[in-house]
Structures are given as structure tokens and as C-alpha cells.
Amino acid sequence: MADCPASDMELHEENVKQLEEFSKDLEKMVEVMENVSVQLTWMAYDMVVLRTAPEVGESLRRLEEEFLQCKAVLESTCVEARSRSSRSN
């Protein structure tokens, strides 16, 4: 009978630990769902903008093309600079 209070205490501590873990897991899930909600809100906003103003989509495509061209130029410039510096060393 002397073991009963100790086992009850251990059981209680185990339950408290489990509840704390569940609470942490729940907080993580809530945070993930908040992030998903924000992403969905932005997606909905983007869809509304693109449907009401199709020229925005065209502008974004042109902007992406220009970005990719600039990126290609910068990468080739970096490669050329590296090859020049390795030749001079």
C-alpha cells in the first residue's frame, strides 16, 4: 500500500509531461496553419488582382524575363572575372 502514492505521483507526472508535449505540438500545428492561412490569403489576393487586371500578369512575366536576362549577364560576368583572375595568378 505504501507504493500507491508513489505510483500515483509518477502517473501524475507522466500525465503532466504528456500534456506539456501535446500543448507544444498543438502550438506548432497552430503556427503551421497560420502560415498556410497567410499563404492562401496572398494566393487569393494574387488571383483577384490577375483576374481584374490581366496586364499585371503580363508585367510580371516581363519582369521575370528581364530578371533572368540580368541574372545570366551577371553570372557570365562573374565567370569571366574568375577566369581572368585565375589566369593572372
PDB file of N, CA and C in Angstrom:
ATOM      1  N   MET A   1       0.802  -1.197   0.000  1.00  0.00           N
ATOM      2  CA  MET A   1       0.000   0.000   0.000  1.00  0.00           C
ATOM      3  C   MET A   1       0.844   1.260   0.000  1.00  0.00           C
ATOM      4  N   ALA A   2       2.066   1.164   0.497  1.00  0.00           N
ATOM      5  CA  ALA A   2       2.931   2.330   0.546  1.00  0.00           C
ATOM      6  C   ALA A   2       3.354   2.754  -0.856  1.00  0.00           C
ATOM      7  N   ASP A   3       3.315   1.816  -1.810  1.00  0.00           N
ATOM      8  CA  ASP A   3       3.713   2.130  -3.177  1.00  0.00           C
ATOM      9  C   ASP A   3       2.636   2.896  -3.929  1.00  0.00           C
ATOM     10  N   CYS A   4       1.427   2.856  -3.510  1.00  0.00           N
ATOM     11  CA  CYS A   4       0.321   3.504  -4.226  1.00  0.00           C
ATOM     12  C   CYS A   4       0.508   5.005  -4.380  1.00  0.00           C
ATOM     13  N   PRO A   5       0.837   5.756  -3.317  1.00  0.00           N
ATOM     14  CA  PRO A   5       1.013   7.188  -3.515  1.00  0.00           C
ATOM     15  C   PRO A   5       2.168   7.513  -4.464  1.00  0.00           C
ATOM     16  N   ALA A   6       3.239   6.724  -4.379  1.00  0.00           N
ATOM     17  CA  ALA A   6       4.378   6.976  -5.271  1.00  0.00           C
ATOM     18  C   ALA A   6       3.982   6.703  -6.712  1.00  0.00           C
ATOM     19  N   SER A   7       3.264   5.612  -6.953  1.00  0.00           N
ATOM     20  CA  SER A   7       2.881   5.312  -8.329  1.00  0.00           C
ATOM     21  C   SER A   7       1.856   6.333  -8.837  1.00  0.00           C
ATOM     22  N   ASP A   8       0.999   6.806  -7.932  1.00  0.00           N
ATOM     23  CA  ASP A   8       0.062   7.859  -8.330  1.00  0.00           C
ATOM     24  C   ASP A   8       0.805   9.132  -8.707  1.00  0.00           C
ATOM     25  N   MET A   9       1.848   9.445  -7.944  1.00  0.00           N
ATOM     26  CA  MET A   9       2.640  10.644  -8.224  1.00  0.00           C
ATOM     27  C   MET A   9       3.349  10.500  -9.569  1.00  0.00           C
ATOM     28  N   GLU A  10       3.917   9.315  -9.809  1.00  0.00           N
ATOM     29  CA  GLU A  10       4.590   9.069 -11.086  1.00  0.00           C
ATOM     30  C   GLU A  10       3.601   9.169 -12.238  1.00  0.00           C
ATOM     31  N   LEU A  11       2.431   8.612 -12.040  1.00  0.00           N
ATOM     32  CA  LEU A  11       1.391   8.663 -13.060  1.00  0.00           C
ATOM     33  C   LEU A  11       0.986  10.110 -13.336  1.00  0.00           C
ATOM     34  N   HIS A  12       0.856  10.876 -12.269  1.00  0.00           N
ATOM     35  CA  HIS A  12       0.504  12.285 -12.411  1.00  0.00           C
ATOM     36  C   HIS A  12       1.590  13.047 -13.176  1.00  0.00           C
ATOM     37  N   GLU A  13       2.863  12.800 -12.835  1.00  0.00           N
ATOM     38  CA  GLU A  13       3.981  13.469 -13.520  1.00  0.00           C
ATOM     39  C   GLU A  13       4.023  13.088 -14.996  1.00  0.00           C
ATOM     40  N   GLU A  14       3.748  11.804 -15.276  1.00  0.00           N
ATOM     41  CA  GLU A  14       3.704  11.364 -16.668  1.00  0.00           C
ATOM     42  C   GLU A  14       2.599  12.079 -17.433  1.00  0.00           C
ATOM     43  N   ASN A  15       1.451  12.200 -16.806  1.00  0.00           N
ATOM     44  CA  ASN A  15       0.323  12.887 -17.440  1.00  0.00           C
ATOM     45  C   ASN A  15       0.646  14.353 -17.699  1.00  0.00           C
ATOM     46  N   VAL A  16       1.309  14.987 -16.737  1.00  0.00           N
ATOM     47  CA  VAL A  16       1.689  16.397 -16.901  1.00  0.00           C
ATOM     48  C   VAL A  16       2.663  16.536 -18.063  1.00  0.00           C
ATOM     49  N   LYS A  17       3.644  15.629 -18.144  1.00  0.00           N
ATOM     50  CA  LYS A  17       4.614  15.677 -19.253  1.00  0.00           C
ATOM     51  C   LYS A  17       3.913  15.489 -20.596  1.00  0.00           C
ATOM     52  N   GLN A  18       2.989  14.531 -20.649  1.00  0.00           N
ATOM     53  CA  GLN A  18       2.259  14.300 -21.892  1.00  0.00           C
ATOM     54  C   GLN A  18       1.441  15.520 -22.289  1.00  0.00           C
ATOM     55  N   LEU A  19       0.799  16.140 -21.323  1.00  0.00           N
ATOM     56  CA  LEU A  19       0.009  17.333 -21.613  1.00  0.00           C
ATOM     57  C   LEU A  19       0.895  18.466 -22.116  1.00  0.00           C
ATOM     58  N   GLU A  20       2.081  18.611 -21.525  1.00  0.00           N
ATOM     59  CA  GLU A  20       3.004  19.651 -21.997  1.00  0.00           C
ATOM     60  C   GLU A  20       3.443  19.374 -23.430  1.00  0.00           C
ATOM     61  N   GLU A  21       3.731  18.093 -23.739  1.00  0.00           N
ATOM     62  CA  GLU A  21       4.119  17.736 -25.103  1.00  0.00           C
ATOM     63  C   GLU A  21       2.977  17.990 -26.079  1.00  0.00           C
ATOM     64  N   PHE A  22       1.772  17.610 -25.681  1.00  0.00           N
ATOM     65  CA  PHE A  22       0.609  17.857 -26.537  1.00  0.00           C
ATOM     66  C   PHE A  22       0.418  19.350 -26.774  1.00  0.00           C
ATOM     67  N   SER A  23       0.625  20.121 -25.723  1.00  0.00           N
ATOM     68  CA  SER A  23       0.473  21.570 -25.845  1.00  0.00           C
ATOM     69  C   SER A  23       1.487  22.139 -26.833  1.00  0.00           C
ATOM     70  N   LYS A  24       2.740  21.687 -26.737  1.00  0.00           N
ATOM     71  CA  LYS A  24       3.781  22.146 -27.667  1.00  0.00           C
ATOM     72  C   LYS A  24       3.433  21.738 -29.098  1.00  0.00           C
ATOM     73  N   ASP A  25       2.995  20.481 -29.261  1.00  0.00           N
ATOM     74  CA  ASP A  25       2.618  20.009 -30.597  1.00  0.00           C
ATOM     75  C   ASP A  25       1.463  20.818 -31.158  1.00  0.00           C
ATOM     76  N   LEU A  26       0.501  21.109 -30.318  1.00  0.00           N
ATOM     77  CA  LEU A  26      -0.652  21.900 -30.753  1.00  0.00           C
ATOM     78  C   LEU A  26      -0.233  23.305 -31.157  1.00  0.00           C
ATOM     79  N   GLU A  27       0.677  23.908 -30.404  1.00  0.00           N
ATOM     80  CA  GLU A  27       1.179  25.243 -30.760  1.00  0.00           C
ATOM     81  C   GLU A  27       1.871  25.217 -32.116  1.00  0.00           C
ATOM     82  N   LYS A  28       2.668  24.165 -32.360  1.00  0.00           N
ATOM     83  CA  LYS A  28       3.344  24.046 -33.652  1.00  0.00           C
ATOM     84  C   LYS A  28       2.328  23.910 -34.785  1.00  0.00           C
ATOM     85  N   MET A  29       1.302  23.092 -34.561  1.00  0.00           N
ATOM     86  CA  MET A  29       0.274  22.914 -35.596  1.00  0.00           C
ATOM     87  C   MET A  29      -0.472  24.211 -35.868  1.00  0.00           C
ATOM     88  N   VAL A  30      -0.768  24.951 -34.821  1.00  0.00           N
ATOM     89  CA  VAL A  30      -1.455  26.231 -34.996  1.00  0.00           C
ATOM     90  C   VAL A  30      -0.577  27.182 -35.803  1.00  0.00           C
ATOM     91  N   GLU A  31       0.713  27.209 -35.503  1.00  0.00           N
ATOM     92  CA  GLU A  31       1.622  28.084 -36.244  1.00  0.00           C
ATOM     93  C   GLU A  31       1.673  27.696 -37.721  1.00  0.00           C
ATOM     94  N   VAL A  32       1.746  26.394 -37.988  1.00  0.00           N
ATOM     95  CA  VAL A  32       1.763  25.922 -39.377  1.00  0.00           C
ATOM     96  C   VAL A  32       0.475  26.326 -40.085  1.00  0.00           C
ATOM     97  N   MET A  33      -0.655  26.156 -39.427  1.00  0.00           N
ATOM     98  CA  MET A  33      -1.930  26.508 -40.038  1.00  0.00           C
ATOM     99  C   MET A  33      -2.039  28.019 -40.261  1.00  0.00           C
ATOM    100  N   GLU A  34      -1.478  28.816 -39.352  1.00  0.00           N
ATOM    101  CA  GLU A  34      -1.476  30.270 -39.557  1.00  0.00           C
ATOM    102  C   GLU A  34      -0.676  30.617 -40.800  1.00  0.00           C
ATOM    103  N   ASN A  35       0.474  29.955 -40.977  1.00  0.00           N
ATOM    104  CA  ASN A  35       1.294  30.212 -42.169  1.00  0.00           C
ATOM    105  C   ASN A  35       0.557  29.803 -43.437  1.00  0.00           C
ATOM    106  N   VAL A  36      -0.121  28.673 -43.393  1.00  0.00           N
ATOM    107  CA  VAL A  36      -0.903  28.229 -44.549  1.00  0.00           C
ATOM    108  C   VAL A  36      -2.001  29.236 -44.849  1.00  0.00           C
ATOM    109  N   SER A  37      -2.634  29.724 -43.811  1.00  0.00           N
ATOM    110  CA  SER A  37      -3.707  30.705 -43.985  1.00  0.00           C
ATOM    111  C   SER A  37      -3.182  31.977 -44.649  1.00  0.00           C
ATOM    112  N   VAL A  38      -2.019  32.431 -44.221  1.00  0.00           N
ATOM    113  CA  VAL A  38      -1.422  33.627 -44.819  1.00  0.00           C
ATOM    114  C   VAL A  38      -1.107  33.374 -46.291  1.00  0.00           C
ATOM    115  N   GLN A  39      -0.531  32.205 -46.589  1.00  0.00           N
ATOM    116  CA  GLN A  39      -0.214  31.884 -47.981  1.00  0.00           C
ATOM    117  C   GLN A  39      -1.468  31.826 -48.835  1.00  0.00           C
ATOM    118  N   LEU A  40      -2.526  31.211 -48.315  1.00  0.00           N
ATOM    119  CA  LEU A  40      -3.779  31.144 -49.067  1.00  0.00           C
ATOM    120  C   LEU A  40      -4.373  32.530 -49.294  1.00  0.00           C
ATOM    121  N   THR A  41      -4.261  33.391 -48.285  1.00  0.00           N
ATOM    122  CA  THR A  41      -4.768  34.754 -48.439  1.00  0.00           C
ATOM    123  C   THR A  41      -4.026  35.476 -49.552  1.00  0.00           C
ATOM    124  N   TRP A  42      -2.697  35.354 -49.582  1.00  0.00           N
ATOM    125  CA  TRP A  42      -1.924  36.003 -50.644  1.00  0.00           C
ATOM    126  C   TRP A  42      -2.246  35.406 -52.008  1.00  0.00           C
ATOM    127  N   MET A  43      -2.442  34.077 -52.054  1.00  0.00           N
ATOM    128  CA  MET A  43      -2.801  33.447 -53.327  1.00  0.00           C
ATOM    129  C   MET A  43      -4.142  33.978 -53.826  1.00  0.00           C
ATOM    130  N   ALA A  44      -5.105  34.093 -52.927  1.00  0.00           N
ATOM    131  CA  ALA A  44      -6.419  34.617 -53.314  1.00  0.00           C
ATOM    132  C   ALA A  44      -6.297  36.055 -53.788  1.00  0.00           C
ATOM    133  N   TYR A  45      -5.498  36.846 -53.090  1.00  0.00           N
ATOM    134  CA  TYR A  45      -5.291  38.243 -53.483  1.00  0.00           C
ATOM    135  C   TYR A  45      -4.674  38.304 -54.881  1.00  0.00           C
ATOM    136  N   ASP A  46      -3.638  37.479 -55.095  1.00  0.00           N
ATOM    137  CA  ASP A  46      -2.982  37.458 -56.409  1.00  0.00           C
ATOM    138  C   ASP A  46      -3.964  37.067 -57.508  1.00  0.00           C
ATOM    139  N   MET A  47      -4.811  36.086 -57.239  1.00  0.00           N
ATOM    140  CA  MET A  47      -5.789  35.668 -58.242  1.00  0.00           C
ATOM    141  C   MET A  47      -6.759  36.789 -58.563  1.00  0.00           C
ATOM    142  N   VAL A  48      -7.213  37.496 -57.559  1.00  0.00           N
ATOM    143  CA  VAL A  48      -8.149  38.600 -57.783  1.00  0.00           C
ATOM    144  C   VAL A  48      -7.474  39.688 -58.605  1.00  0.00           C
ATOM    145  N   VAL A  49      -6.254  40.020 -58.244  1.00  0.00           N
ATOM    146  CA  VAL A  49      -5.530  41.065 -58.978  1.00  0.00           C
ATOM    147  C   VAL A  49      -5.329  40.657 -60.424  1.00  0.00           C
ATOM    148  N   LEU A  50      -4.904  39.421 -60.646  1.00  0.00           N
ATOM    149  CA  LEU A  50      -4.647  38.974 -62.016  1.00  0.00           C
ATOM    150  C   LEU A  50      -5.930  38.888 -62.842  1.00  0.00           C
ATOM    151  N   ARG A  51      -7.036  38.546 -62.219  1.00  0.00           N
ATOM    152  CA  ARG A  51      -8.298  38.462 -62.968  1.00  0.00           C
ATOM    153  C   ARG A  51      -8.887  39.836 -63.255  1.00  0.00           C
ATOM    154  N   THR A  52      -8.687  40.771 -62.349  1.00  0.00           N
ATOM    155  CA  THR A  52      -9.262  42.097 -62.568  1.00  0.00           C
ATOM    156  C   THR A  52      -8.341  42.986 -63.387  1.00  0.00           C
ATOM    157  N   ALA A  53      -7.050  42.673 -63.393  1.00  0.00           N
ATOM    158  CA  ALA A  53      -6.090  43.469 -64.156  1.00  0.00           C
ATOM    159  C   ALA A  53      -5.093  42.524 -64.840  1.00  0.00           C
ATOM    160  N   PRO A  54      -5.466  41.952 -66.002  1.00  0.00           N
ATOM    161  CA  PRO A  54      -4.591  40.986 -66.679  1.00  0.00           C
ATOM    162  C   PRO A  54      -3.229  41.569 -67.064  1.00  0.00           C
ATOM    163  N   GLU A  55      -3.171  42.884 -67.210  1.00  0.00           N
ATOM    164  CA  GLU A  55      -1.880  43.483 -67.574  1.00  0.00           C
ATOM    165  C   GLU A  55      -0.845  43.310 -66.459  1.00  0.00           C
ATOM    166  N   VAL A  56      -1.311  43.100 -65.233  1.00  0.00           N
ATOM    167  CA  VAL A  56      -0.381  42.850 -64.131  1.00  0.00           C
ATOM    168  C   VAL A  56       0.361  41.544 -64.376  1.00  0.00           C
ATOM    169  N   GLY A  57      -0.356  40.522 -64.834  1.00  0.00           N
ATOM    170  CA  GLY A  57       0.280  39.243 -65.143  1.00  0.00           C
ATOM    171  C   GLY A  57       1.320  39.386 -66.235  1.00  0.00           C
ATOM    172  N   GLU A  58       0.986  40.148 -67.256  1.00  0.00           N
ATOM    173  CA  GLU A  58       1.948  40.380 -68.344  1.00  0.00           C
ATOM    174  C   GLU A  58       3.155  41.143 -67.826  1.00  0.00           C
ATOM    175  N   SER A  59       2.942  42.115 -66.981  1.00  0.00           N
ATOM    176  CA  SER A  59       4.053  42.872 -66.394  1.00  0.00           C
ATOM    177  C   SER A  59       4.952  41.965 -65.563  1.00  0.00           C
ATOM    178  N   LEU A  60       4.340  41.065 -64.811  1.00  0.00           N
ATOM    179  CA  LEU A  60       5.129  40.135 -64.004  1.00  0.00           C
ATOM    180  C   LEU A  60       5.951  39.207 -64.886  1.00  0.00           C
ATOM    181  N   ARG A  61       5.379  38.742 -65.988  1.00  0.00           N
ATOM    182  CA  ARG A  61       6.129  37.880 -66.909  1.00  0.00           C
ATOM    183  C   ARG A  61       7.307  38.637 -67.519  1.00  0.00           C
ATOM    184  N   ARG A  62       7.070  39.884 -67.921  1.00  0.00           N
ATOM    185  CA  ARG A  62       8.169  40.685 -68.479  1.00  0.00           C
ATOM    186  C   ARG A  62       9.237  40.940 -67.434  1.00  0.00           C
ATOM    187  N   LEU A  63       8.821  41.222 -66.216  1.00  0.00           N
ATOM    188  CA  LEU A  63       9.765  41.457 -65.130  1.00  0.00           C
ATOM    189  C   LEU A  63      10.605  40.208 -64.878  1.00  0.00           C
ATOM    190  N   GLU A  64       9.964  39.041 -64.903  1.00  0.00           N
ATOM    191  CA  GLU A  64      10.704  37.799 -64.701  1.00  0.00           C
ATOM    192  C   GLU A  64      11.706  37.571 -65.825  1.00  0.00           C
ATOM    193  N   GLU A  65      11.300  37.834 -67.068  1.00  0.00           N
ATOM    194  CA  GLU A  65      12.211  37.675 -68.212  1.00  0.00           C
ATOM    195  C   GLU A  65      13.413  38.602 -68.072  1.00  0.00           C
ATOM    196  N   GLU A  66      13.172  39.852 -67.713  1.00  0.00           N
ATOM    197  CA  GLU A  66      14.270  40.805 -67.536  1.00  0.00           C
ATOM    198  C   GLU A  66      15.192  40.377 -66.400  1.00  0.00           C
ATOM    199  N   PHE A  67      14.599  39.894 -65.321  1.00  0.00           N
ATOM    200  CA  PHE A  67      15.399  39.418 -64.203  1.00  0.00           C
ATOM    201  C   PHE A  67      16.302  38.271 -64.637  1.00  0.00           C
ATOM    202  N   LEU A  68      15.728  37.308 -65.372  1.00  0.00           N
ATOM    203  CA  LEU A  68      16.522  36.164 -65.817  1.00  0.00           C
ATOM    204  C   LEU A  68      17.644  36.593 -66.760  1.00  0.00           C
ATOM    205  N   GLN A  69      17.368  37.583 -67.618  1.00  0.00           N
ATOM    206  CA  GLN A  69      18.417  38.086 -68.505  1.00  0.00           C
ATOM    207  C   GLN A  69      19.531  38.748 -67.699  1.00  0.00           C
ATOM    208  N   CYS A  70      19.158  39.571 -66.721  1.00  0.00           N
ATOM    209  CA  CYS A  70      20.163  40.232 -65.883  1.00  0.00           C
ATOM    210  C   CYS A  70      20.972  39.208 -65.102  1.00  0.00           C
ATOM    211  N   LYS A  71      20.296  38.206 -64.604  1.00  0.00           N
ATOM    212  CA  LYS A  71      20.971  37.155 -63.847  1.00  0.00           C
ATOM    213  C   LYS A  71      21.994  36.443 -64.728  1.00  0.00           C
ATOM    214  N   ALA A  72      21.605  36.138 -65.973  1.00  0.00           N
ATOM    215  CA  ALA A  72      22.511  35.467 -66.903  1.00  0.00           C
ATOM    216  C   ALA A  72      23.731  36.329 -67.193  1.00  0.00           C
ATOM    217  N   VAL A  73      23.516  37.626 -67.391  1.00  0.00           N
ATOM    218  CA  VAL A  73      24.632  38.537 -67.655  1.00  0.00           C
ATOM    219  C   VAL A  73      25.571  38.591 -66.460  1.00  0.00           C
ATOM    220  N   LEU A  74      25.002  38.705 -65.270  1.00  0.00           N
ATOM    221  CA  LEU A  74      25.830  38.760 -64.069  1.00  0.00           C
ATOM    222  C   LEU A  74      26.614  37.472 -63.860  1.00  0.00           C
ATOM    223  N   GLU A  75      25.977  36.335 -64.106  1.00  0.00           N
ATOM    224  CA  GLU A  75      26.674  35.066 -63.946  1.00  0.00           C
ATOM    225  C   GLU A  75      27.818  34.938 -64.941  1.00  0.00           C
ATOM    226  N   SER A  76      27.580  35.344 -66.186  1.00  0.00           N
ATOM    227  CA  SER A  76      28.653  35.252 -67.180  1.00  0.00           C
ATOM    228  C   SER A  76      29.773  36.222 -66.851  1.00  0.00           C
ATOM    229  N   THR A  77      29.427  37.392 -66.332  1.00  0.00           N
ATOM    230  CA  THR A  77      30.441  38.366 -65.934  1.00  0.00           C
ATOM    231  C   THR A  77      31.293  37.816 -64.791  1.00  0.00           C
ATOM    232  N   CYS A  78      30.644  37.170 -63.845  1.00  0.00           N
ATOM    233  CA  CYS A  78      31.374  36.577 -62.716  1.00  0.00           C
ATOM    234  C   CYS A  78      32.305  35.477 -63.193  1.00  0.00           C
ATOM    235  N   VAL A  79      31.824  34.639 -64.113  1.00  0.00           N
ATOM    236  CA  VAL A  79      32.657  33.560 -64.641  1.00  0.00           C
ATOM    237  C   VAL A  79      33.863  34.137 -65.363  1.00  0.00           C
ATOM    238  N   GLU A  80      33.651  35.177 -66.177  1.00  0.00           N
ATOM    239  CA  GLU A  80      34.755  35.813 -66.894  1.00  0.00           C
ATOM    240  C   GLU A  80      35.755  36.425 -65.914  1.00  0.00           C
ATOM    241  N   ALA A  81      35.264  37.081 -64.889  1.00  0.00           N
ATOM    242  CA  ALA A  81      36.150  37.703 -63.909  1.00  0.00           C
ATOM    243  C   ALA A  81      36.964  36.651 -63.163  1.00  0.00           C
ATOM    244  N   ARG A  82      36.348  35.548 -62.844  1.00  0.00           N
ATOM    245  CA  ARG A  82      37.068  34.468 -62.160  1.00  0.00           C
ATOM    246  C   ARG A  82      38.150  33.873 -63.055  1.00  0.00           C
ATOM    247  N   SER A  83      37.801  33.674 -64.322  1.00  0.00           N
ATOM    248  CA  SER A  83      38.795  33.091 -65.234  1.00  0.00           C
ATOM    249  C   SER A  83      39.952  34.055 -65.452  1.00  0.00           C
ATOM    250  N   ARG A  84      39.673  35.363 -65.515  1.00  0.00           N
ATOM    251  CA  ARG A  84      40.748  36.360 -65.651  1.00  0.00           C
ATOM    252  C   ARG A  84      41.624  36.379 -64.411  1.00  0.00           C
ATOM    253  N   SER A  85      41.012  36.311 -63.243  1.00  0.00           N
ATOM    254  CA  SER A  85      41.799  36.369 -62.015  1.00  0.00           C
ATOM    255  C   SER A  85      42.608  35.100 -61.825  1.00  0.00           C
ATOM    256  N   SER A  86      42.097  33.960 -62.279  1.00  0.00           N
ATOM    257  CA  SER A  86      42.861  32.721 -62.133  1.00  0.00           C
ATOM    258  C   SER A  86      44.019  32.682 -63.139  1.00  0.00           C
ATOM    259  N   ARG A  87      43.863  33.314 -64.296  1.00  0.00           N
ATOM    260  CA  ARG A  87      44.958  33.375 -65.275  1.00  0.00           C
ATOM    261  C   ARG A  87      46.078  34.295 -64.802  1.00  0.00           C
ATOM    262  N   SER A  88      45.696  35.383 -64.112  1.00  0.00           N
ATOM    263  CA  SER A  88      46.710  36.335 -63.674  1.00  0.00           C
ATOM    264  C   SER A  88      47.474  35.842 -62.460  1.00  0.00           C
ATOM    265  N   ASN A  89      46.928  34.869 -61.756  1.00  0.00           N
ATOM    266  CA  ASN A  89      47.616  34.311 -60.566  1.00  0.00           C
ATOM    267  C   ASN A  89      48.522  33.248 -61.017  1.00  0.00           C
TER     268      ASN A  89
END
